Each structure stands twice: as C-alpha cells, then as structure tokens.
C-alpha cells in the first residue's frame, strides 16, 4: 500500500481526493485535521502516521483529530469521526469516536473548506 501522505493547506478537488483514496483504501481516505491551523493530512495507512507528520510540521497534539472520508457517500454523510488518536481522556474524549459535536463541526468545516 502506498503510504504517501499529503498535507492539505489549500483546497483540493474531489478528483484529487479520489486519487489519494485509490492509492490506499479505494473508497476511503484517512485524514487528520488540525483545528487550529485549518489544515489536514490525508492518504496515510494509519491516522498515527498522519498525526506524526503534522506534529513534525508544528501542529499541537490537542488540535489534531482523526476521521475517515468515504468518498462515494453523499457529502453530508461522508465523514466518520473514528480513529485511535481520538482516545483522549485528558480532553474528555473517552472513545475512538469524536464525542464533542463542537469538535465534529469544526472538523467538518475544515474538510469542507479544503475539499472543493
């Protein structure tokens, strides 16, 4: 599996997202979103790999949240907020799923800004 992770800082097309998906899981792209910087990493085999790249680029752990985009689903339901990196008892998130609707909304906003 190609593990080419892309840091998305400016908008990409849905076709570019499909190309990223084709190199990994086919119909799904793992992403890690930096809520503070408004950027995301996409295309890793593991959310932890994407998280590590963003940390290397100056992101802060508390700002990073993992999710999956199912590219063949309708855009209003294509995000699944599930990742091992979301297990954060110190931030009140006790599950792999992002429990805070406020954080889920912020993730959605960043994704919608970056994928056009």
N, C-alpha and C. Protein backbone atom coordinates (compact mmCIF):
# COMPACT_ATOMS: atom_id res chain seq x y z
N UNK A 1 0.85 -1.18 0.00
CA UNK A 1 0.00 0.00 0.00
C UNK A 1 0.89 1.24 0.00
N UNK A 2 0.62 2.13 -0.92
CA UNK A 2 1.39 3.38 -0.99
C UNK A 2 1.05 4.23 0.22
N UNK A 3 2.05 4.69 0.92
CA UNK A 3 1.82 5.44 2.15
C UNK A 3 2.22 6.90 1.97
N UNK A 4 1.84 7.48 0.83
CA UNK A 4 2.18 8.86 0.51
C UNK A 4 1.18 9.80 1.17
N UNK A 5 1.62 10.47 2.23
CA UNK A 5 0.74 11.35 2.98
C UNK A 5 0.88 12.77 2.43
N UNK A 6 -0.25 13.39 2.19
CA UNK A 6 -0.28 14.75 1.65
C UNK A 6 -0.80 15.69 2.74
N UNK A 7 -0.06 16.77 2.97
CA UNK A 7 -0.56 17.83 3.85
C UNK A 7 -1.36 18.79 2.98
N UNK A 8 -2.63 18.94 3.31
CA UNK A 8 -3.53 19.78 2.52
C UNK A 8 -3.70 21.12 3.25
N UNK A 9 -3.14 22.17 2.64
CA UNK A 9 -3.20 23.51 3.23
C UNK A 9 -4.07 24.46 2.42
N UNK A 10 -4.29 24.10 1.15
CA UNK A 10 -5.16 24.89 0.29
C UNK A 10 -6.10 23.91 -0.40
N UNK A 11 -7.23 24.39 -0.90
CA UNK A 11 -8.26 23.48 -1.42
C UNK A 11 -7.76 22.54 -2.51
N UNK A 12 -8.25 21.30 -2.42
CA UNK A 12 -8.02 20.28 -3.45
C UNK A 12 -9.39 19.88 -4.00
N UNK A 13 -9.37 19.27 -5.18
CA UNK A 13 -10.62 18.84 -5.80
C UNK A 13 -11.02 17.46 -5.28
N UNK A 14 -12.27 17.12 -5.51
CA UNK A 14 -12.76 15.79 -5.15
C UNK A 14 -12.01 14.74 -5.98
N UNK A 15 -11.61 15.10 -7.20
CA UNK A 15 -10.83 14.16 -8.03
C UNK A 15 -9.47 13.87 -7.39
N UNK A 16 -8.84 14.90 -6.83
CA UNK A 16 -7.56 14.68 -6.13
C UNK A 16 -7.76 13.76 -4.93
N UNK A 17 -8.88 13.96 -4.22
CA UNK A 17 -9.18 13.11 -3.08
C UNK A 17 -9.40 11.66 -3.53
N UNK A 18 -10.06 11.49 -4.66
CA UNK A 18 -10.27 10.14 -5.21
C UNK A 18 -8.93 9.48 -5.56
N UNK A 19 -7.99 10.27 -6.09
CA UNK A 19 -6.66 9.74 -6.40
C UNK A 19 -5.94 9.28 -5.14
N UNK A 20 -6.07 10.07 -4.07
CA UNK A 20 -5.48 9.68 -2.78
C UNK A 20 -6.11 8.38 -2.31
N UNK A 21 -7.44 8.28 -2.40
CA UNK A 21 -8.14 7.06 -1.97
C UNK A 21 -7.70 5.85 -2.78
N UNK A 22 -7.52 6.05 -4.09
CA UNK A 22 -7.14 4.94 -4.97
C UNK A 22 -5.80 4.33 -4.58
N UNK A 23 -4.92 5.13 -3.98
CA UNK A 23 -3.59 4.65 -3.59
C UNK A 23 -3.62 3.91 -2.25
N UNK A 24 -4.72 4.04 -1.50
CA UNK A 24 -4.77 3.41 -0.18
C UNK A 24 -5.94 2.44 -0.06
N UNK A 25 -7.11 2.93 0.36
CA UNK A 25 -8.22 2.05 0.70
C UNK A 25 -9.31 1.97 -0.36
N UNK A 26 -9.14 2.66 -1.48
CA UNK A 26 -10.11 2.58 -2.57
C UNK A 26 -11.24 3.58 -2.45
N UNK A 27 -12.11 3.37 -1.47
CA UNK A 27 -13.28 4.25 -1.33
C UNK A 27 -13.22 5.10 -0.07
N UNK A 28 -12.10 5.06 0.63
CA UNK A 28 -11.98 5.77 1.91
C UNK A 28 -10.60 6.40 2.02
N UNK A 29 -10.56 7.59 2.63
CA UNK A 29 -9.30 8.28 2.90
C UNK A 29 -9.25 8.58 4.39
N UNK A 30 -8.17 8.16 5.03
CA UNK A 30 -7.95 8.54 6.43
C UNK A 30 -7.39 9.96 6.44
N UNK A 31 -7.90 10.76 7.36
CA UNK A 31 -7.41 12.14 7.49
C UNK A 31 -7.16 12.46 8.95
N UNK A 32 -6.26 13.41 9.17
CA UNK A 32 -6.08 14.02 10.49
C UNK A 32 -6.17 15.52 10.27
N UNK A 33 -7.05 16.15 11.02
CA UNK A 33 -7.32 17.57 10.86
C UNK A 33 -6.70 18.34 12.02
N UNK A 34 -6.02 19.44 11.70
CA UNK A 34 -5.51 20.38 12.70
C UNK A 34 -6.54 21.50 12.78
N UNK A 35 -7.30 21.53 13.87
CA UNK A 35 -8.38 22.50 14.00
C UNK A 35 -7.86 23.92 14.16
N UNK A 36 -6.70 24.08 14.74
CA UNK A 36 -6.13 25.41 14.95
C UNK A 36 -5.59 26.01 13.66
N UNK A 37 -4.86 25.20 12.88
CA UNK A 37 -4.24 25.69 11.65
C UNK A 37 -5.17 25.60 10.44
N UNK A 38 -6.26 24.83 10.56
CA UNK A 38 -7.18 24.69 9.44
C UNK A 38 -6.60 23.89 8.29
N UNK A 39 -5.75 22.91 8.61
CA UNK A 39 -5.14 22.06 7.58
C UNK A 39 -5.43 20.60 7.91
N UNK A 40 -5.07 19.72 6.98
CA UNK A 40 -5.24 18.30 7.27
C UNK A 40 -4.18 17.50 6.53
N UNK A 41 -3.94 16.31 7.05
CA UNK A 41 -3.08 15.33 6.37
C UNK A 41 -4.00 14.23 5.87
N UNK A 42 -3.72 13.72 4.67
CA UNK A 42 -4.56 12.70 4.06
C UNK A 42 -3.70 11.67 3.36
N UNK A 43 -4.19 10.45 3.30
CA UNK A 43 -3.55 9.42 2.50
C UNK A 43 -2.68 8.44 3.25
N UNK A 44 -2.67 8.49 4.55
CA UNK A 44 -1.86 7.55 5.30
C UNK A 44 -2.57 6.23 5.53
N UNK A 45 -1.79 5.21 5.80
CA UNK A 45 -2.36 3.92 6.14
C UNK A 45 -2.91 3.95 7.56
N UNK A 46 -2.26 4.75 8.42
CA UNK A 46 -2.70 4.90 9.80
C UNK A 46 -2.87 6.38 10.12
N UNK A 47 -3.88 6.70 10.92
CA UNK A 47 -4.04 8.08 11.38
C UNK A 47 -2.79 8.53 12.14
N UNK A 48 -2.17 7.60 12.86
CA UNK A 48 -0.98 7.94 13.65
C UNK A 48 0.16 8.44 12.76
N UNK A 49 0.27 7.91 11.54
CA UNK A 49 1.31 8.36 10.61
C UNK A 49 1.05 9.81 10.19
N UNK A 50 -0.21 10.12 9.91
CA UNK A 50 -0.58 11.47 9.51
C UNK A 50 -0.39 12.44 10.68
N UNK A 51 -0.77 11.97 11.85
CA UNK A 51 -0.59 12.77 13.07
C UNK A 51 0.89 13.11 13.27
N UNK A 52 1.76 12.14 13.09
CA UNK A 52 3.20 12.35 13.27
C UNK A 52 3.74 13.39 12.30
N UNK A 53 3.28 13.34 11.05
CA UNK A 53 3.74 14.33 10.06
C UNK A 53 3.28 15.73 10.44
N UNK A 54 2.04 15.86 10.88
CA UNK A 54 1.55 17.19 11.28
C UNK A 54 2.29 17.69 12.52
N UNK A 55 2.58 16.80 13.46
CA UNK A 55 3.36 17.21 14.64
C UNK A 55 4.75 17.69 14.21
N UNK A 56 5.35 17.00 13.24
CA UNK A 56 6.66 17.41 12.72
C UNK A 56 6.60 18.77 12.04
N UNK A 57 5.42 19.15 11.57
CA UNK A 57 5.23 20.44 10.90
C UNK A 57 4.67 21.51 11.84
N UNK A 58 4.78 21.27 13.15
CA UNK A 58 4.44 22.31 14.11
C UNK A 58 3.04 22.27 14.69
N UNK A 59 2.25 21.27 14.35
CA UNK A 59 0.92 21.16 14.94
C UNK A 59 1.04 20.75 16.41
N UNK A 60 -0.01 21.05 17.17
CA UNK A 60 -0.06 20.66 18.58
C UNK A 60 -1.02 19.49 18.74
N UNK A 61 -0.63 18.54 19.57
CA UNK A 61 -1.41 17.31 19.77
C UNK A 61 -2.89 17.59 20.05
N UNK A 62 -3.19 18.54 20.92
CA UNK A 62 -4.57 18.80 21.31
C UNK A 62 -5.44 19.30 20.17
N UNK A 63 -4.81 19.79 19.08
CA UNK A 63 -5.55 20.33 17.94
C UNK A 63 -5.84 19.28 16.87
N UNK A 64 -5.28 18.07 17.01
CA UNK A 64 -5.36 17.06 15.96
C UNK A 64 -6.43 16.02 16.25
N UNK A 65 -7.27 15.79 15.25
CA UNK A 65 -8.36 14.81 15.37
C UNK A 65 -8.42 13.97 14.10
N UNK A 66 -8.67 12.68 14.26
CA UNK A 66 -8.72 11.76 13.12
C UNK A 66 -10.14 11.47 12.67
N UNK A 67 -10.27 11.24 11.37
CA UNK A 67 -11.55 10.88 10.78
C UNK A 67 -11.30 10.14 9.47
N UNK A 68 -12.36 9.62 8.89
CA UNK A 68 -12.30 8.95 7.61
C UNK A 68 -13.31 9.61 6.68
N UNK A 69 -12.93 9.76 5.41
CA UNK A 69 -13.84 10.26 4.39
C UNK A 69 -14.16 9.10 3.46
N UNK A 70 -15.44 8.77 3.36
CA UNK A 70 -15.92 7.75 2.43
C UNK A 70 -16.37 8.48 1.17
N UNK A 71 -15.50 8.47 0.16
CA UNK A 71 -15.66 9.37 -0.99
C UNK A 71 -16.88 9.08 -1.85
N UNK A 72 -17.45 7.88 -1.77
CA UNK A 72 -18.62 7.57 -2.58
C UNK A 72 -19.93 7.85 -1.86
N UNK A 73 -19.85 8.30 -0.64
CA UNK A 73 -21.06 8.64 0.13
C UNK A 73 -21.45 10.09 -0.15
N UNK A 74 -22.71 10.44 0.11
CA UNK A 74 -23.10 11.85 -0.03
C UNK A 74 -22.25 12.72 0.90
N UNK A 75 -21.93 13.91 0.42
CA UNK A 75 -21.00 14.77 1.15
C UNK A 75 -21.47 15.08 2.57
N UNK A 76 -22.77 15.16 2.79
CA UNK A 76 -23.26 15.48 4.14
C UNK A 76 -23.16 14.31 5.11
N UNK A 77 -22.75 13.14 4.60
CA UNK A 77 -22.60 11.99 5.50
C UNK A 77 -21.33 11.18 5.21
N UNK A 78 -20.37 11.77 4.50
CA UNK A 78 -19.19 11.01 4.11
C UNK A 78 -18.12 10.96 5.19
N UNK A 79 -18.22 11.79 6.23
CA UNK A 79 -17.22 11.81 7.31
C UNK A 79 -17.62 10.88 8.44
N UNK A 80 -16.65 10.07 8.87
CA UNK A 80 -16.82 9.23 10.06
C UNK A 80 -15.69 9.62 11.00
N UNK A 81 -16.05 10.09 12.18
CA UNK A 81 -15.09 10.68 13.12
C UNK A 81 -14.53 9.60 14.04
N UNK A 82 -13.81 8.65 13.46
CA UNK A 82 -13.35 7.49 14.21
C UNK A 82 -11.85 7.27 13.99
N UNK A 83 -11.10 7.24 15.07
CA UNK A 83 -9.66 6.99 14.99
C UNK A 83 -9.12 6.69 16.39
N UNK A 84 -8.11 5.86 16.44
CA UNK A 84 -7.44 5.58 17.71
C UNK A 84 -6.84 6.86 18.31
N UNK A 85 -6.41 7.80 17.46
CA UNK A 85 -5.79 9.01 18.00
C UNK A 85 -6.79 9.90 18.73
N UNK A 86 -8.09 9.60 18.57
CA UNK A 86 -9.11 10.40 19.24
C UNK A 86 -9.33 9.98 20.70
N UNK A 87 -8.73 8.88 21.11
CA UNK A 87 -8.84 8.45 22.51
C UNK A 87 -8.05 9.44 23.37
N UNK A 88 -8.77 10.35 24.03
CA UNK A 88 -8.12 11.42 24.78
C UNK A 88 -8.82 11.68 26.10
N UNK A 89 -8.60 10.86 27.09
CA UNK A 89 -9.24 11.11 28.38
C UNK A 89 -8.94 12.51 28.93
N UNK A 90 -7.73 13.01 28.67
CA UNK A 90 -7.35 14.33 29.19
C UNK A 90 -8.18 15.45 28.57
N UNK A 91 -8.78 15.19 27.39
CA UNK A 91 -9.62 16.17 26.73
C UNK A 91 -11.10 15.76 26.78
N UNK A 92 -11.39 14.78 27.62
CA UNK A 92 -12.77 14.35 27.81
C UNK A 92 -13.31 13.46 26.70
N UNK A 93 -12.45 12.96 25.81
CA UNK A 93 -12.90 12.07 24.74
C UNK A 93 -12.45 10.65 25.09
N UNK A 94 -13.41 9.84 25.53
CA UNK A 94 -13.09 8.52 26.05
C UNK A 94 -13.24 7.40 25.02
N UNK A 95 -13.62 7.75 23.80
CA UNK A 95 -13.84 6.76 22.75
C UNK A 95 -13.01 7.09 21.52
N UNK A 96 -12.98 6.14 20.57
CA UNK A 96 -12.32 6.40 19.28
C UNK A 96 -13.09 7.44 18.48
N UNK A 97 -14.38 7.51 18.72
CA UNK A 97 -15.24 8.47 18.03
C UNK A 97 -15.11 9.84 18.71
N UNK A 98 -15.13 10.89 17.91
CA UNK A 98 -15.11 12.25 18.47
C UNK A 98 -16.48 12.47 19.12
N UNK A 99 -16.48 12.64 20.43
CA UNK A 99 -17.74 12.74 21.17
C UNK A 99 -18.33 14.15 21.14
N UNK A 100 -17.52 15.16 21.04
CA UNK A 100 -17.98 16.55 21.07
C UNK A 100 -18.56 16.97 19.73
N UNK A 101 -19.82 17.38 19.72
CA UNK A 101 -20.42 17.86 18.47
C UNK A 101 -19.73 19.13 17.99
N UNK A 102 -19.21 19.93 18.91
CA UNK A 102 -18.48 21.14 18.54
C UNK A 102 -17.20 20.80 17.77
N UNK A 103 -16.47 19.80 18.25
CA UNK A 103 -15.24 19.38 17.56
C UNK A 103 -15.59 18.73 16.21
N UNK A 104 -16.63 17.90 16.17
CA UNK A 104 -17.06 17.30 14.90
C UNK A 104 -17.41 18.40 13.89
N UNK A 105 -18.12 19.43 14.34
CA UNK A 105 -18.48 20.54 13.44
C UNK A 105 -17.24 21.26 12.93
N UNK A 106 -16.25 21.45 13.78
CA UNK A 106 -15.01 22.11 13.35
C UNK A 106 -14.26 21.26 12.33
N UNK A 107 -14.22 19.94 12.55
CA UNK A 107 -13.58 19.03 11.59
C UNK A 107 -14.29 19.16 10.24
N UNK A 108 -15.61 19.13 10.26
CA UNK A 108 -16.40 19.24 9.03
C UNK A 108 -16.11 20.55 8.31
N UNK A 109 -16.02 21.63 9.05
CA UNK A 109 -15.74 22.94 8.45
C UNK A 109 -14.39 22.95 7.74
N UNK A 110 -13.37 22.40 8.39
CA UNK A 110 -12.03 22.36 7.78
C UNK A 110 -12.06 21.49 6.52
N UNK A 111 -12.68 20.33 6.61
CA UNK A 111 -12.75 19.43 5.45
C UNK A 111 -13.49 20.09 4.30
N UNK A 112 -14.62 20.73 4.60
CA UNK A 112 -15.40 21.37 3.54
C UNK A 112 -14.66 22.54 2.90
N UNK A 113 -13.82 23.21 3.69
CA UNK A 113 -13.01 24.32 3.16
C UNK A 113 -11.90 23.79 2.25
N UNK A 114 -11.34 22.63 2.60
CA UNK A 114 -10.16 22.11 1.89
C UNK A 114 -10.50 21.18 0.72
N UNK A 115 -11.71 20.65 0.67
CA UNK A 115 -12.08 19.77 -0.44
C UNK A 115 -13.22 20.43 -1.20
N UNK A 116 -12.94 20.80 -2.45
CA UNK A 116 -13.93 21.55 -3.24
C UNK A 116 -14.36 20.79 -4.47
